[in-house]
C-alpha atoms as a PDB file:
ATOM      1  CA  UNK A   1       0.000   0.000   0.000  1.00  0.00           C
ATOM      2  CA  UNK A   2       2.754   2.461   0.929  1.00  0.00           C
ATOM      3  CA  UNK A   3       4.738   1.535  -2.166  1.00  0.00           C
ATOM      4  CA  UNK A   4       1.923   2.857  -4.369  1.00  0.00           C
ATOM      5  CA  UNK A   5       2.504   6.331  -2.896  1.00  0.00           C
ATOM      6  CA  UNK A   6       6.242   6.251  -3.605  1.00  0.00           C
ATOM      7  CA  UNK A   7       6.028   8.092  -6.977  1.00  0.00           C
ATOM      8  CA  UNK A   8       3.971  10.903  -5.421  1.00  0.00           C
ATOM      9  CA  UNK A   9       6.413  11.179  -2.519  1.00  0.00           C
ATOM     10  CA  UNK A  10       9.305  11.232  -4.993  1.00  0.00           C
ATOM     11  CA  UNK A  11       7.568  14.003  -6.950  1.00  0.00           C
ATOM     12  CA  UNK A  12       7.179  16.114  -3.787  1.00  0.00           C
ATOM     13  CA  UNK A  13      10.817  15.548  -2.836  1.00  0.00           C
ATOM     14  CA  UNK A  14      11.955  16.459  -6.349  1.00  0.00           C
ATOM     15  CA  UNK A  15       9.773  19.598  -6.403  1.00  0.00           C
ATOM     16  CA  UNK A  16      11.132  20.676  -2.999  1.00  0.00           C
ATOM     17  CA  UNK A  17      14.701  20.057  -4.170  1.00  0.00           C
ATOM     18  CA  UNK A  18      14.181  22.108  -7.345  1.00  0.00           C
ATOM     19  CA  UNK A  19      12.612  24.963  -5.361  1.00  0.00           C
ATOM     20  CA  UNK A  20      15.410  24.894  -2.786  1.00  0.00           C
ATOM     21  CA  UNK A  21      17.967  24.806  -5.592  1.00  0.00           C
ATOM     22  CA  UNK A  22      16.421  27.842  -7.274  1.00  0.00           C
ATOM     23  CA  UNK A  23      16.324  29.832  -4.044  1.00  0.00           C
ATOM     24  CA  UNK A  24      19.870  28.788  -3.214  1.00  0.00           C
ATOM     25  CA  UNK A  25      21.161  29.699  -6.673  1.00  0.00           C
ATOM     26  CA  UNK A  26      19.463  33.072  -6.479  1.00  0.00           C
ATOM     27  CA  UNK A  27      20.913  33.731  -3.059  1.00  0.00           C
ATOM     28  CA  UNK A  28      24.476  32.688  -3.847  1.00  0.00           C
ATOM     29  CA  UNK A  29      24.730  33.755  -7.498  1.00  0.00           C
ATOM     30  CA  UNK A  30      22.541  36.864  -7.559  1.00  0.00           C
ATOM     31  CA  UNK A  31      23.851  40.420  -7.306  1.00  0.00           C
ATOM     32  CA  UNK A  32      23.528  42.001  -3.907  1.00  0.00           C
ATOM     33  CA  UNK A  33      24.582  45.580  -4.641  1.00  0.00           C
ATOM     34  CA  UNK A  34      21.992  48.103  -3.553  1.00  0.00           C
ATOM     35  CA  UNK A  35      21.727  51.257  -5.641  1.00  0.00           C
ATOM     36  CA  UNK A  36      19.414  54.250  -5.250  1.00  0.00           C
ATOM     37  CA  UNK A  37      17.679  53.280  -8.493  1.00  0.00           C
ATOM     38  CA  UNK A  38      16.976  49.752  -7.216  1.00  0.00           C
ATOM     39  CA  UNK A  39      15.626  51.129  -3.943  1.00  0.00           C
ATOM     40  CA  UNK A  40      13.033  53.319  -5.691  1.00  0.00           C
ATOM     41  CA  UNK A  41       9.425  52.099  -5.753  1.00  0.00           C
ATOM     42  CA  UNK A  42       8.562  50.476  -9.073  1.00  0.00           C
ATOM     43  CA  UNK A  43       5.105  49.887 -10.462  1.00  0.00           C
ATOM     44  CA  UNK A  44       4.645  48.628 -14.021  1.00  0.00           C
ATOM     45  CA  UNK A  45       7.469  50.758 -15.374  1.00  0.00           C
ATOM     46  CA  UNK A  46       5.948  54.001 -14.092  1.00  0.00           C
ATOM     47  CA  UNK A  47       6.535  56.076 -11.026  1.00  0.00           C
ATOM     48  CA  UNK A  48       4.188  54.851  -8.353  1.00  0.00           C
ATOM     49  CA  UNK A  49       1.382  57.243  -7.595  1.00  0.00           C
ATOM     50  CA  UNK A  50      -1.017  57.253  -4.720  1.00  0.00           C
ATOM     51  CA  UNK A  51      -0.799  56.023  -1.212  1.00  0.00           C
ATOM     52  CA  UNK A  52       1.079  52.796  -0.623  1.00  0.00           C
ATOM     53  CA  UNK A  53      -1.178  51.917   2.281  1.00  0.00           C
ATOM     54  CA  UNK A  54      -4.488  52.296   0.445  1.00  0.00           C
ATOM     55  CA  UNK A  55      -7.050  49.770   1.650  1.00  0.00           C
ATOM     56  CA  UNK A  56      -8.580  47.440  -0.899  1.00  0.00           C
ATOM     57  CA  UNK A  57     -12.268  46.713  -1.007  1.00  0.00           C
ATOM     58  CA  UNK A  58     -13.591  43.613   0.727  1.00  0.00           C
ATOM     59  CA  UNK A  59     -15.043  42.586  -2.654  1.00  0.00           C
ATOM     60  CA  UNK A  60     -11.501  42.067  -3.908  1.00  0.00           C
ATOM     61  CA  UNK A  61     -10.702  39.613  -1.130  1.00  0.00           C
ATOM     62  CA  UNK A  62     -14.042  37.836  -1.495  1.00  0.00           C
ATOM     63  CA  UNK A  63     -13.468  37.367  -5.215  1.00  0.00           C
ATOM     64  CA  UNK A  64      -9.977  36.029  -4.529  1.00  0.00           C
ATOM     65  CA  UNK A  65     -11.286  33.544  -1.958  1.00  0.00           C
ATOM     66  CA  UNK A  66     -14.024  32.377  -4.342  1.00  0.00           C
ATOM     67  CA  UNK A  67     -11.421  31.867  -7.045  1.00  0.00           C
ATOM     68  CA  UNK A  68      -9.299  29.744  -4.711  1.00  0.00           C
ATOM     69  CA  UNK A  69     -12.317  27.667  -3.614  1.00  0.00           C
ATOM     70  CA  UNK A  70     -13.349  26.840  -7.170  1.00  0.00           C
ATOM     71  CA  UNK A  71      -9.747  26.292  -8.217  1.00  0.00           C
ATOM     72  CA  UNK A  72      -9.366  23.731  -5.432  1.00  0.00           C
ATOM     73  CA  UNK A  73     -12.631  22.162  -6.601  1.00  0.00           C
ATOM     74  CA  UNK A  74     -11.049  21.388  -9.954  1.00  0.00           C
ATOM     75  CA  UNK A  75      -8.115  19.769  -8.135  1.00  0.00           C
ATOM     76  CA  UNK A  76     -10.565  17.311  -6.563  1.00  0.00           C
ATOM     77  CA  UNK A  77     -12.736  16.743  -9.642  1.00  0.00           C
ATOM     78  CA  UNK A  78      -9.938  15.748 -12.068  1.00  0.00           C
ATOM     79  CA  UNK A  79      -8.696  12.699 -10.122  1.00  0.00           C
ATOM     80  CA  UNK A  80     -12.289  11.661  -9.502  1.00  0.00           C
ATOM     81  CA  UNK A  81     -13.014  11.819 -13.226  1.00  0.00           C
ATOM     82  CA  UNK A  82      -9.948   9.716 -14.003  1.00  0.00           C
ATOM     83  CA  UNK A  83     -10.950   6.943 -11.583  1.00  0.00           C
ATOM     84  CA  UNK A  84     -14.705   7.253 -12.123  1.00  0.00           C
ATOM     85  CA  UNK A  85     -15.259   3.613 -13.144  1.00  0.00           C
ATOM     86  CA  UNK A  86     -13.348   2.148 -10.201  1.00  0.00           C
ATOM     87  CA  UNK A  87     -15.197   4.258  -7.620  1.00  0.00           C
ATOM     88  CA  UNK A  88     -18.663   3.094  -8.596  1.00  0.00           C
ATOM     89  CA  UNK A  89     -21.868   4.545  -7.199  1.00  0.00           C
ATOM     90  CA  UNK A  90     -20.322   5.404  -3.840  1.00  0.00           C
ATOM     91  CA  UNK A  91     -17.737   7.636  -5.490  1.00  0.00           C
ATOM     92  CA  UNK A  92     -20.384   9.169  -7.727  1.00  0.00           C
ATOM     93  CA  UNK A  93     -22.683  10.037  -4.828  1.00  0.00           C
ATOM     94  CA  UNK A  94     -19.800  11.397  -2.763  1.00  0.00           C
ATOM     95  CA  UNK A  95     -18.683  13.701  -5.580  1.00  0.00           C
ATOM     96  CA  UNK A  96     -22.286  14.675  -6.269  1.00  0.00           C
ATOM     97  CA  UNK A  97     -22.722  15.771  -2.653  1.00  0.00           C
ATOM     98  CA  UNK A  98     -19.426  17.692  -2.840  1.00  0.00           C
ATOM     99  CA  UNK A  99     -20.546  19.496  -5.993  1.00  0.00           C
ATOM    100  CA  UNK A 100     -24.010  20.224  -4.549  1.00  0.00           C
ATOM    101  CA  UNK A 101     -22.422  21.933  -1.539  1.00  0.00           C
ATOM    102  CA  UNK A 102     -20.226  24.036  -3.843  1.00  0.00           C
ATOM    103  CA  UNK A 103     -23.136  24.955  -6.125  1.00  0.00           C
ATOM    104  CA  UNK A 104     -25.259  25.972  -3.122  1.00  0.00           C
ATOM    105  CA  UNK A 105     -22.381  28.160  -1.936  1.00  0.00           C
ATOM    106  CA  UNK A 106     -22.006  29.682  -5.411  1.00  0.00           C
ATOM    107  CA  UNK A 107     -25.735  30.438  -5.652  1.00  0.00           C
ATOM    108  CA  UNK A 108     -25.623  32.011  -2.181  1.00  0.00           C
ATOM    109  CA  UNK A 109     -22.696  34.249  -3.174  1.00  0.00           C
ATOM    110  CA  UNK A 110     -24.415  35.123  -6.423  1.00  0.00           C
ATOM    111  CA  UNK A 111     -27.658  36.108  -4.661  1.00  0.00           C
ATOM    112  CA  UNK A 112     -25.715  38.202  -2.122  1.00  0.00           C
ATOM    113  CA  UNK A 113     -24.043  40.086  -4.992  1.00  0.00           C
ATOM    114  CA  UNK A 114     -20.542  38.906  -4.157  1.00  0.00           C
ATOM    115  CA  UNK A 115     -19.763  38.359  -7.835  1.00  0.00           C
ATOM    116  CA  UNK A 116     -20.704  41.896  -8.867  1.00  0.00           C
ATOM    117  CA  UNK A 117     -17.515  43.829  -9.513  1.00  0.00           C
ATOM    118  CA  UNK A 118     -17.997  47.537  -8.934  1.00  0.00           C
ATOM    119  CA  UNK A 119     -15.209  50.015  -9.569  1.00  0.00           C
END
């Protein structure tokens, strides 16, 4: 049973090693000289304008959270779809209940106006 998880574990170890290698290479090989031009605020190639501590609307955060929730949903639906035949009716009903909960949440957010983007 544990041996079937070995490729996934190896993938996580490899991904962590690559990430650590990239951070290490950037730290040891990257330039560390600080110049006044590097220390200036930079925003899309233009001088930054406006307050740096401006508060964002709650709608922005709500939209971001909804995006993450439905992005995570796709992470769960893809493996289910791949092993649909092996899971049988139990797997189907479990995923159906999962999707019903998400759809009810989406309808609730829609009715509350959380998906309306006002500038």
